[in-house]
Every structure is written in C-alpha cells, then in structure tokens.
Amino acid sequence: MVKRTKEIMKKIILLVLAFTSLIMVGCGNIENGDGTYRVATSPNTYIIDSCEYIGYIGYGSGDIIAHKGNCRFCKERDSIKWEKRKKELEELVTKLKEK
C-alpha cells in the first residue's frame, strides 16, 4: 500500500512540475529585436465577420479578444430585425381587429 502511495505522489509531483514549467515557458514578452519589448497599453478594435471585437492581438501568448457590448453592426441588425417584427405585429393586430 505504501509503495502504491509513493507512485501516486511521484506522478502528482511530476504533473505539477510539468504544468509549472509549461506556464513559465508559455508566458513571455515579445522582443522587438532592438532590445525593447512590446507592451499592451490600450485595447485595439478589430472587425471580424461583421462584428466589432476589442482586445490585444500580437503580444505573444497573451492574445485575447472579446465582443464589444456596443457593436455598431449588431445594433444595425437588431434595429432592422425589430422594425420588421414590429410591422408584422401591427399587421396581425389590424387583421384581428377586422374580424
């Protein structure tokens, strides 16, 4: 029983060490070639598939983007969709009133 516990502990320790080394190697700065590093100061806006995203791309393993909450393309699509739905409901109400 003690031998099995030691084997399990060795595997756990190796797994923790592998995970820690993966994190240490994966997180790094991007060097510009002249000894300076790129640092993300403010998020950029990207347009992908007719939607706006904000984030940081090109800064090594720390790339991240997220959909903007006030995406102008989504607002336009929603307004067109809701205008169409409003018109359909108005037509339905007039039909029901006629009966």
PDB file of N, CA and C in Angstrom:
ATOM      1  N   MET A   1       0.820  -1.191   0.000  1.00  0.00           N
ATOM      2  CA  MET A   1       0.000   0.000   0.000  1.00  0.00           C
ATOM      3  C   MET A   1       0.865   1.257   0.000  1.00  0.00           C
ATOM      4  N   VAL A   2       1.955   1.237   0.772  1.00  0.00           N
ATOM      5  CA  VAL A   2       2.842   2.388   0.856  1.00  0.00           C
ATOM      6  C   VAL A   2       3.533   2.606  -0.494  1.00  0.00           C
ATOM      7  N   LYS A   3       3.888   1.504  -1.168  1.00  0.00           N
ATOM      8  CA  LYS A   3       4.558   1.614  -2.458  1.00  0.00           C
ATOM      9  C   LYS A   3       3.625   2.271  -3.484  1.00  0.00           C
ATOM     10  N   ARG A   4       2.361   1.901  -3.480  1.00  0.00           N
ATOM     11  CA  ARG A   4       1.375   2.483  -4.406  1.00  0.00           C
ATOM     12  C   ARG A   4       1.186   3.973  -4.120  1.00  0.00           C
ATOM     13  N   THR A   5       1.155   4.359  -2.853  1.00  0.00           N
ATOM     14  CA  THR A   5       1.005   5.769  -2.480  1.00  0.00           C
ATOM     15  C   THR A   5       2.202   6.583  -2.962  1.00  0.00           C
ATOM     16  N   LYS A   6       3.402   6.013  -2.834  1.00  0.00           N
ATOM     17  CA  LYS A   6       4.602   6.707  -3.308  1.00  0.00           C
ATOM     18  C   LYS A   6       4.558   6.915  -4.819  1.00  0.00           C
ATOM     19  N   GLU A   7       4.092   5.899  -5.553  1.00  0.00           N
ATOM     20  CA  GLU A   7       3.984   6.017  -7.007  1.00  0.00           C
ATOM     21  C   GLU A   7       2.987   7.118  -7.394  1.00  0.00           C
ATOM     22  N   ILE A   8       1.886   7.177  -6.704  1.00  0.00           N
ATOM     23  CA  ILE A   8       0.882   8.203  -6.981  1.00  0.00           C
ATOM     24  C   ILE A   8       1.437   9.586  -6.669  1.00  0.00           C
ATOM     25  N   MET A   9       2.138   9.722  -5.561  1.00  0.00           N
ATOM     26  CA  MET A   9       2.726  11.015  -5.194  1.00  0.00           C
ATOM     27  C   MET A   9       3.774  11.453  -6.223  1.00  0.00           C
ATOM     28  N   LYS A  10       4.581  10.501  -6.728  1.00  0.00           N
ATOM     29  CA  LYS A  10       5.575  10.828  -7.752  1.00  0.00           C
ATOM     30  C   LYS A  10       4.879  11.357  -9.005  1.00  0.00           C
ATOM     31  N   LYS A  11       3.779  10.719  -9.411  1.00  0.00           N
ATOM     32  CA  LYS A  11       3.052  11.158 -10.595  1.00  0.00           C
ATOM     33  C   LYS A  11       2.447  12.541 -10.392  1.00  0.00           C
ATOM     34  N   ILE A  12       1.929  12.794  -9.225  1.00  0.00           N
ATOM     35  CA  ILE A  12       1.349  14.104  -8.927  1.00  0.00           C
ATOM     36  C   ILE A  12       2.418  15.184  -8.970  1.00  0.00           C
ATOM     37  N   ILE A  13       3.570  14.906  -8.362  1.00  0.00           N
ATOM     38  CA  ILE A  13       4.672  15.879  -8.354  1.00  0.00           C
ATOM     39  C   ILE A  13       5.160  16.148  -9.772  1.00  0.00           C
ATOM     40  N   LEU A  14       5.312  15.090 -10.579  1.00  0.00           N
ATOM     41  CA  LEU A  14       5.744  15.272 -11.968  1.00  0.00           C
ATOM     42  C   LEU A  14       4.709  16.085 -12.761  1.00  0.00           C
ATOM     43  N   LEU A  15       3.457  15.841 -12.525  1.00  0.00           N
ATOM     44  CA  LEU A  15       2.395  16.583 -13.209  1.00  0.00           C
ATOM     45  C   LEU A  15       2.431  18.065 -12.823  1.00  0.00           C
ATOM     46  N   VAL A  16       2.620  18.347 -11.546  1.00  0.00           N
ATOM     47  CA  VAL A  16       2.708  19.735 -11.089  1.00  0.00           C
ATOM     48  C   VAL A  16       3.934  20.420 -11.684  1.00  0.00           C
ATOM     49  N   LEU A  17       5.057  19.741 -11.699  1.00  0.00           N
ATOM     50  CA  LEU A  17       6.278  20.310 -12.285  1.00  0.00           C
ATOM     51  C   LEU A  17       6.111  20.560 -13.782  1.00  0.00           C
ATOM     52  N   ALA A  18       5.489  19.626 -14.496  1.00  0.00           N
ATOM     53  CA  ALA A  18       5.275  19.807 -15.935  1.00  0.00           C
ATOM     54  C   ALA A  18       4.345  20.994 -16.186  1.00  0.00           C
ATOM     55  N   PHE A  19       3.298  21.098 -15.418  1.00  0.00           N
ATOM     56  CA  PHE A  19       2.354  22.202 -15.577  1.00  0.00           C
ATOM     57  C   PHE A  19       3.025  23.535 -15.268  1.00  0.00           C
ATOM     58  N   THR A  20       3.817  23.576 -14.205  1.00  0.00           N
ATOM     59  CA  THR A  20       4.517  24.814 -13.833  1.00  0.00           C
ATOM     60  C   THR A  20       5.516  25.213 -14.907  1.00  0.00           C
ATOM     61  N   SER A  21       6.267  24.273 -15.433  1.00  0.00           N
ATOM     62  CA  SER A  21       7.240  24.609 -16.477  1.00  0.00           C
ATOM     63  C   SER A  21       6.543  25.047 -17.756  1.00  0.00           C
ATOM     64  N   LEU A  22       5.395  24.477 -18.072  1.00  0.00           N
ATOM     65  CA  LEU A  22       4.625  24.894 -19.238  1.00  0.00           C
ATOM     66  C   LEU A  22       4.170  26.343 -19.105  1.00  0.00           C
ATOM     67  N   ILE A  23       3.719  26.706 -17.931  1.00  0.00           N
ATOM     68  CA  ILE A  23       3.289  28.087 -17.689  1.00  0.00           C
ATOM     69  C   ILE A  23       4.478  29.037 -17.772  1.00  0.00           C
ATOM     70  N   MET A  24       5.595  28.646 -17.198  1.00  0.00           N
ATOM     71  CA  MET A  24       6.777  29.511 -17.202  1.00  0.00           C
ATOM     72  C   MET A  24       7.294  29.742 -18.621  1.00  0.00           C
ATOM     73  N   VAL A  25       7.278  28.736 -19.463  1.00  0.00           N
ATOM     74  CA  VAL A  25       7.773  28.862 -20.831  1.00  0.00           C
ATOM     75  C   VAL A  25       6.752  29.582 -21.699  1.00  0.00           C
ATOM     76  N   GLY A  26       5.469  29.335 -21.486  1.00  0.00           N
ATOM     77  CA  GLY A  26       4.424  29.917 -22.312  1.00  0.00           C
ATOM     78  C   GLY A  26       4.217  31.398 -22.090  1.00  0.00           C
ATOM     79  N   CYS A  27       4.557  31.914 -20.954  1.00  0.00           N
ATOM     80  CA  CYS A  27       4.354  33.330 -20.660  1.00  0.00           C
ATOM     81  C   CYS A  27       5.643  34.082 -20.898  1.00  0.00           C
ATOM     82  N   GLY A  28       5.661  34.894 -21.923  1.00  0.00           N
ATOM     83  CA  GLY A  28       6.870  35.637 -22.204  1.00  0.00           C
ATOM     84  C   GLY A  28       6.551  36.945 -22.891  1.00  0.00           C
ATOM     85  N   ASN A  29       7.533  37.800 -22.968  1.00  0.00           N
ATOM     86  CA  ASN A  29       7.384  39.082 -23.642  1.00  0.00           C
ATOM     87  C   ASN A  29       7.835  38.948 -25.088  1.00  0.00           C
ATOM     88  N   ILE A  30       7.308  39.796 -25.944  1.00  0.00           N
ATOM     89  CA  ILE A  30       7.701  39.821 -27.340  1.00  0.00           C
ATOM     90  C   ILE A  30       8.755  40.898 -27.511  1.00  0.00           C
ATOM     91  N   GLU A  31       9.954  40.486 -27.944  1.00  0.00           N
ATOM     92  CA  GLU A  31      11.041  41.445 -28.126  1.00  0.00           C
ATOM     93  C   GLU A  31      10.982  41.997 -29.542  1.00  0.00           C
ATOM     94  N   ASN A  32      11.183  43.291 -29.684  1.00  0.00           N
ATOM     95  CA  ASN A  32      11.130  43.954 -30.985  1.00  0.00           C
ATOM     96  C   ASN A  32      12.392  43.739 -31.815  1.00  0.00           C
ATOM     97  N   GLY A  33      13.418  43.214 -31.254  1.00  0.00           N
ATOM     98  CA  GLY A  33      14.654  42.993 -31.986  1.00  0.00           C
ATOM     99  C   GLY A  33      15.733  44.001 -31.627  1.00  0.00           C
ATOM    100  N   ASP A  34      15.346  45.114 -31.036  1.00  0.00           N
ATOM    101  CA  ASP A  34      16.335  46.124 -30.652  1.00  0.00           C
ATOM    102  C   ASP A  34      16.506  46.184 -29.135  1.00  0.00           C
ATOM    103  N   GLY A  35      16.076  45.141 -28.460  1.00  0.00           N
ATOM    104  CA  GLY A  35      16.221  45.097 -27.006  1.00  0.00           C
ATOM    105  C   GLY A  35      15.016  45.619 -26.256  1.00  0.00           C
ATOM    106  N   THR A  36      14.039  46.182 -26.973  1.00  0.00           N
ATOM    107  CA  THR A  36      12.830  46.677 -26.315  1.00  0.00           C
ATOM    108  C   THR A  36      11.713  45.641 -26.460  1.00  0.00           C
ATOM    109  N   TYR A  37      10.700  45.792 -25.642  1.00  0.00           N
ATOM    110  CA  TYR A  37       9.579  44.862 -25.643  1.00  0.00           C
ATOM    111  C   TYR A  37       8.287  45.593 -25.951  1.00  0.00           C
ATOM    112  N   ARG A  38       7.367  44.879 -26.626  1.00  0.00           N
ATOM    113  CA  ARG A  38       6.042  45.439 -26.878  1.00  0.00           C
ATOM    114  C   ARG A  38       5.203  45.291 -25.622  1.00  0.00           C
ATOM    115  N   VAL A  39       4.535  46.353 -25.259  1.00  0.00           N
ATOM    116  CA  VAL A  39       3.675  46.330 -24.079  1.00  0.00           C
ATOM    117  C   VAL A  39       2.292  46.800 -24.497  1.00  0.00           C
ATOM    118  N   ALA A  40       1.269  46.045 -24.138  1.00  0.00           N
ATOM    119  CA  ALA A  40      -0.106  46.415 -24.466  1.00  0.00           C
ATOM    120  C   ALA A  40      -0.566  47.504 -23.512  1.00  0.00           C
ATOM    121  N   THR A  41      -0.908  48.662 -24.052  1.00  0.00           N
ATOM    122  CA  THR A  41      -1.328  49.782 -23.200  1.00  0.00           C
ATOM    123  C   THR A  41      -2.835  49.998 -23.243  1.00  0.00           C
ATOM    124  N   SER A  42      -3.436  49.923 -24.418  1.00  0.00           N
ATOM    125  CA  SER A  42      -4.890  50.071 -24.518  1.00  0.00           C
ATOM    126  C   SER A  42      -5.384  49.097 -25.579  1.00  0.00           C
ATOM    127  N   PRO A  43      -6.603  48.590 -25.415  1.00  0.00           N
ATOM    128  CA  PRO A  43      -7.093  47.588 -26.367  1.00  0.00           C
ATOM    129  C   PRO A  43      -7.375  48.187 -27.741  1.00  0.00           C
ATOM    130  N   ASN A  44      -7.174  47.389 -28.757  1.00  0.00           N
ATOM    131  CA  ASN A  44      -7.479  47.774 -30.130  1.00  0.00           C
ATOM    132  C   ASN A  44      -8.854  47.245 -30.506  1.00  0.00           C
ATOM    133  N   THR A  45      -9.465  47.833 -31.531  1.00  0.00           N
ATOM    134  CA  THR A  45     -10.754  47.363 -32.037  1.00  0.00           C
ATOM    135  C   THR A  45     -10.509  46.596 -33.325  1.00  0.00           C
ATOM    136  N   TYR A  46     -11.097  45.405 -33.431  1.00  0.00           N
ATOM    137  CA  TYR A  46     -10.958  44.551 -34.600  1.00  0.00           C
ATOM    138  C   TYR A  46     -12.346  44.260 -35.151  1.00  0.00           C
ATOM    139  N   ILE A  47     -12.478  44.207 -36.472  1.00  0.00           N
ATOM    140  CA  ILE A  47     -13.744  43.832 -37.108  1.00  0.00           C
ATOM    141  C   ILE A  47     -13.553  42.455 -37.715  1.00  0.00           C
ATOM    142  N   ILE A  48     -14.317  41.490 -37.193  1.00  0.00           N
ATOM    143  CA  ILE A  48     -14.236  40.103 -37.640  1.00  0.00           C
ATOM    144  C   ILE A  48     -15.654  39.630 -37.918  1.00  0.00           C
ATOM    145  N   ASP A  49     -15.899  39.115 -39.120  1.00  0.00           N
ATOM    146  CA  ASP A  49     -17.224  38.624 -39.523  1.00  0.00           C
ATOM    147  C   ASP A  49     -18.307  39.652 -39.247  1.00  0.00           C
ATOM    148  N   SER A  50     -18.082  40.870 -39.618  1.00  0.00           N
ATOM    149  CA  SER A  50     -19.007  42.000 -39.461  1.00  0.00           C
ATOM    150  C   SER A  50     -19.487  42.160 -38.015  1.00  0.00           C
ATOM    151  N   CYS A  51     -18.572  42.021 -37.083  1.00  0.00           N
ATOM    152  CA  CYS A  51     -18.811  42.320 -35.671  1.00  0.00           C
ATOM    153  C   CYS A  51     -17.554  42.982 -35.112  1.00  0.00           C
ATOM    154  N   GLU A  52     -17.742  43.843 -34.132  1.00  0.00           N
ATOM    155  CA  GLU A  52     -16.605  44.531 -33.525  1.00  0.00           C
ATOM    156  C   GLU A  52     -16.137  43.779 -32.277  1.00  0.00           C
ATOM    157  N   TYR A  53     -14.816  43.637 -32.181  1.00  0.00           N
ATOM    158  CA  TYR A  53     -14.187  42.999 -31.029  1.00  0.00           C
ATOM    159  C   TYR A  53     -13.117  43.938 -30.500  1.00  0.00           C
ATOM    160  N   ILE A  54     -12.872  43.872 -29.198  1.00  0.00           N
ATOM    161  CA  ILE A  54     -11.780  44.631 -28.606  1.00  0.00           C
ATOM    162  C   ILE A  54     -10.802  43.648 -27.976  1.00  0.00           C
ATOM    163  N   GLY A  55      -9.541  44.035 -27.925  1.00  0.00           N
ATOM    164  CA  GLY A  55      -8.577  43.155 -27.289  1.00  0.00           C
ATOM    165  C   GLY A  55      -7.158  43.443 -27.716  1.00  0.00           C
ATOM    166  N   TYR A  56      -6.320  42.478 -27.431  1.00  0.00           N
ATOM    167  CA  TYR A  56      -4.896  42.558 -27.721  1.00  0.00           C
ATOM    168  C   TYR A  56      -4.513  41.351 -28.566  1.00  0.00           C
ATOM    169  N   ILE A  57      -3.983  41.596 -29.764  1.00  0.00           N
ATOM    170  CA  ILE A  57      -3.506  40.517 -30.626  1.00  0.00           C
ATOM    171  C   ILE A  57      -2.074  40.847 -31.013  1.00  0.00           C
ATOM    172  N   GLY A  58      -1.208  39.860 -30.976  1.00  0.00           N
ATOM    173  CA  GLY A  58       0.182  40.051 -31.373  1.00  0.00           C
ATOM    174  C   GLY A  58       1.111  40.327 -30.211  1.00  0.00           C
ATOM    175  N   TYR A  59       0.687  39.981 -29.015  1.00  0.00           N
ATOM    176  CA  TYR A  59       1.526  40.199 -27.833  1.00  0.00           C
ATOM    177  C   TYR A  59       1.952  38.880 -27.213  1.00  0.00           C
ATOM    178  N   GLY A  60       2.270  37.904 -28.032  1.00  0.00           N
ATOM    179  CA  GLY A  60       2.743  36.617 -27.539  1.00  0.00           C
ATOM    180  C   GLY A  60       1.593  35.711 -27.152  1.00  0.00           C
ATOM    181  N   SER A  61       1.777  34.974 -26.080  1.00  0.00           N
ATOM    182  CA  SER A  61       0.769  34.010 -25.665  1.00  0.00           C
ATOM    183  C   SER A  61      -0.386  34.668 -24.908  1.00  0.00           C
ATOM    184  N   GLY A  62      -0.359  35.991 -24.783  1.00  0.00           N
ATOM    185  CA  GLY A  62      -1.415  36.690 -24.058  1.00  0.00           C
ATOM    186  C   GLY A  62      -2.468  37.301 -24.962  1.00  0.00           C
ATOM    187  N   ASP A  63      -2.635  36.793 -26.201  1.00  0.00           N
ATOM    188  CA  ASP A  63      -3.638  37.328 -27.113  1.00  0.00           C
ATOM    189  C   ASP A  63      -5.038  37.051 -26.568  1.00  0.00           C
ATOM    190  N   ILE A  64      -5.890  38.081 -26.622  1.00  0.00           N
ATOM    191  CA  ILE A  64      -7.256  37.915 -26.142  1.00  0.00           C
ATOM    192  C   ILE A  64      -8.152  38.939 -26.831  1.00  0.00           C
ATOM    193  N   ILE A  65      -9.356  38.511 -27.219  1.00  0.00           N
ATOM    194  CA  ILE A  65     -10.349  39.436 -27.766  1.00  0.00           C
ATOM    195  C   ILE A  65     -11.706  39.095 -27.162  1.00  0.00           C
ATOM    196  N   ALA A  66     -12.598  40.084 -27.170  1.00  0.00           N
ATOM    197  CA  ALA A  66     -13.959  39.884 -26.674  1.00  0.00           C
ATOM    198  C   ALA A  66     -14.897  40.742 -27.505  1.00  0.00           C
ATOM    199  N   HIS A  67     -16.124  40.271 -27.674  1.00  0.00           N
ATOM    200  CA  HIS A  67     -17.122  41.017 -28.447  1.00  0.00           C
ATOM    201  C   HIS A  67     -17.489  42.293 -27.710  1.00  0.00           C
ATOM    202  N   LYS A  68     -17.558  43.403 -28.460  1.00  0.00           N
ATOM    203  CA  LYS A  68     -17.926  44.680 -27.845  1.00  0.00           C
ATOM    204  C   LYS A  68     -19.412  44.659 -27.495  1.00  0.00           C
ATOM    205  N   GLY A  69     -19.740  45.201 -26.366  1.00  0.00           N
ATOM    206  CA  GLY A  69     -21.138  45.264 -25.958  1.00  0.00           C
ATOM    207  C   GLY A  69     -21.938  46.254 -26.774  1.00  0.00           C
ATOM    208  N   ASN A  70     -21.275  47.235 -27.360  1.00  0.00           N
ATOM    209  CA  ASN A  70     -21.969  48.244 -28.159  1.00  0.00           C
ATOM    210  C   ASN A  70     -21.554  48.163 -29.622  1.00  0.00           C
ATOM    211  N   CYS A  71     -21.486  46.975 -30.157  1.00  0.00           N
ATOM    212  CA  CYS A  71     -21.083  46.742 -31.542  1.00  0.00           C
ATOM    213  C   CYS A  71     -22.077  47.412 -32.481  1.00  0.00           C
ATOM    214  N   ARG A  72     -21.587  48.287 -33.351  1.00  0.00           N
ATOM    215  CA  ARG A  72     -22.497  49.042 -34.224  1.00  0.00           C
ATOM    216  C   ARG A  72     -23.170  48.143 -35.247  1.00  0.00           C
ATOM    217  N   PHE A  73     -22.506  47.072 -35.682  1.00  0.00           N
ATOM    218  CA  PHE A  73     -23.099  46.158 -36.652  1.00  0.00           C
ATOM    219  C   PHE A  73     -24.259  45.371 -36.032  1.00  0.00           C
ATOM    220  N   CYS A  74     -24.093  44.944 -34.794  1.00  0.00           N
ATOM    221  CA  CYS A  74     -25.176  44.220 -34.110  1.00  0.00           C
ATOM    222  C   CYS A  74     -26.364  45.145 -33.870  1.00  0.00           C
ATOM    223  N   LYS A  75     -26.101  46.402 -33.531  1.00  0.00           N
ATOM    224  CA  LYS A  75     -27.189  47.364 -33.331  1.00  0.00           C
ATOM    225  C   LYS A  75     -27.979  47.546 -34.618  1.00  0.00           C
ATOM    226  N   GLU A  76     -27.278  47.652 -35.747  1.00  0.00           N
ATOM    227  CA  GLU A  76     -27.961  47.803 -37.033  1.00  0.00           C
ATOM    228  C   GLU A  76     -28.805  46.578 -37.356  1.00  0.00           C
ATOM    229  N   ARG A  77     -28.247  45.387 -37.156  1.00  0.00           N
ATOM    230  CA  ARG A  77     -29.006  44.160 -37.431  1.00  0.00           C
ATOM    231  C   ARG A  77     -30.218  44.053 -36.528  1.00  0.00           C
ATOM    232  N   ASP A  78     -30.041  44.367 -35.241  1.00  0.00           N
ATOM    233  CA  ASP A  78     -31.158  44.293 -34.301  1.00  0.00           C
ATOM    234  C   ASP A  78     -32.255  45.289 -34.648  1.00  0.00           C
ATOM    235  N   SER A  79     -31.883  46.510 -35.037  1.00  0.00           N
ATOM    236  CA  SER A  79     -32.902  47.511 -35.355  1.00  0.00           C
ATOM    237  C   SER A  79     -33.701  47.094 -36.586  1.00  0.00           C
ATOM    238  N   ILE A  80     -33.035  46.519 -37.595  1.00  0.00           N
ATOM    239  CA  ILE A  80     -33.747  46.047 -38.793  1.00  0.00           C
ATOM    240  C   ILE A  80     -34.673  44.896 -38.426  1.00  0.00           C
ATOM    241  N   LYS A  81     -34.173  43.985 -37.604  1.00  0.00           N
ATOM    242  CA  LYS A  81     -34.978  42.820 -37.201  1.00  0.00           C
ATOM    243  C   LYS A  81     -36.201  43.261 -36.404  1.00  0.00           C
ATOM    244  N   TRP A  82     -36.013  44.189 -35.481  1.00  0.00           N
ATOM    245  CA  TRP A  82     -37.130  44.622 -34.646  1.00  0.00           C
ATOM    246  C   TRP A  82     -38.132  45.468 -35.421  1.00  0.00           C
ATOM    247  N   GLU A  83     -37.675  46.247 -36.385  1.00  0.00           N
ATOM    248  CA  GLU A  83     -38.610  47.007 -37.222  1.00  0.00           C
ATOM    249  C   GLU A  83     -39.473  46.057 -38.038  1.00  0.00           C
ATOM    250  N   LYS A  84     -38.864  44.997 -38.567  1.00  0.00           N
ATOM    251  CA  LYS A  84     -39.617  44.003 -39.329  1.00  0.00           C
ATOM    252  C   LYS A  84     -40.634  43.304 -38.419  1.00  0.00           C
ATOM    253  N   ARG A  85     -40.226  42.944 -37.227  1.00  0.00           N
ATOM    254  CA  ARG A  85     -41.125  42.266 -36.280  1.00  0.00           C
ATOM    255  C   ARG A  85     -42.264  43.187 -35.860  1.00  0.00           C
ATOM    256  N   LYS A  86     -41.960  44.470 -35.655  1.00  0.00           N
ATOM    257  CA  LYS A  86     -42.982  45.444 -35.274  1.00  0.00           C
ATOM    258  C   LYS A  86     -44.025  45.577 -36.379  1.00  0.00           C
ATOM    259  N   LYS A  87     -43.578  45.614 -37.626  1.00  0.00           N
ATOM    260  CA  LYS A  87     -44.503  45.710 -38.757  1.00  0.00           C
ATOM    261  C   LYS A  87     -45.402  44.478 -38.828  1.00  0.00           C
ATOM    262  N   GLU A  88     -44.807  43.283 -38.623  1.00  0.00           N
ATOM    263  CA  GLU A  88     -45.598  42.043 -38.631  1.00  0.00           C
ATOM    264  C   GLU A  88     -46.655  42.057 -37.539  1.00  0.00           C
ATOM    265  N   LEU A  89     -46.303  42.527 -36.348  1.00  0.00           N
ATOM    266  CA  LEU A  89     -47.267  42.575 -35.248  1.00  0.00           C
ATOM    267  C   LEU A  89     -48.385  43.582 -35.523  1.00  0.00           C
ATOM    268  N   GLU A  90     -48.039  44.713 -36.106  1.00  0.00           N
ATOM    269  CA  GLU A  90     -49.066  45.702 -36.445  1.00  0.00           C
ATOM    270  C   GLU A  90     -50.043  45.143 -37.464  1.00  0.00           C
ATOM    271  N   GLU A  91     -49.551  44.419 -38.472  1.00  0.00           N
ATOM    272  CA  GLU A  91     -50.428  43.787 -39.452  1.00  0.00           C
ATOM    273  C   GLU A  91     -51.326  42.750 -38.801  1.00  0.00           C
ATOM    274  N   LEU A  92     -50.794  41.990 -37.876  1.00  0.00           N
ATOM    275  CA  LEU A  92     -51.586  40.975 -37.165  1.00  0.00           C
ATOM    276  C   LEU A  92     -52.686  41.627 -36.341  1.00  0.00           C
ATOM    277  N   VAL A  93     -52.363  42.721 -35.667  1.00  0.00           N
ATOM    278  CA  VAL A  93     -53.366  43.433 -34.852  1.00  0.00           C
ATOM    279  C   VAL A  93     -54.473  43.970 -35.744  1.00  0.00           C
ATOM    280  N   THR A  94     -54.145  44.547 -36.892  1.00  0.00           N
ATOM    281  CA  THR A  94     -55.183  45.065 -37.791  1.00  0.00           C
ATOM    282  C   THR A  94     -56.063  43.940 -38.328  1.00  0.00           C
ATOM    283  N   LYS A  95     -55.494  42.785 -38.625  1.00  0.00           N
ATOM    284  CA  LYS A  95     -56.275  41.648 -39.082  1.00  0.00           C
ATOM    285  C   LYS A  95     -57.230  41.169 -37.989  1.00  0.00           C
ATOM    286  N   LEU A  96     -56.752  41.144 -36.751  1.00  0.00           N
ATOM    287  CA  LEU A  96     -57.604  40.693 -35.639  1.00  0.00           C
ATOM    288  C   LEU A  96     -58.720  41.691 -35.372  1.00  0.00           C
ATOM    289  N   LYS A  97     -58.460  42.966 -35.556  1.00  0.00           N
ATOM    290  CA  LYS A  97     -59.482  43.991 -35.340  1.00  0.00           C
ATOM    291  C   LYS A  97     -60.573  43.903 -36.421  1.00  0.00           C
ATOM    292  N   GLU A  98     -60.207  43.511 -37.632  1.00  0.00           N
ATOM    293  CA  GLU A  98     -61.163  43.394 -38.717  1.00  0.00           C
ATOM    294  C   GLU A  98     -62.143  42.256 -38.487  1.00  0.00           C
ATOM    295  N   LYS A  99     -61.730  41.234 -37.780  1.00  0.00           N
ATOM    296  CA  LYS A  99     -62.611  40.075 -37.524  1.00  0.00           C
ATOM    297  C   LYS A  99     -63.583  40.424 -36.469  1.00  0.00           C
TER     298      LYS A  99
END
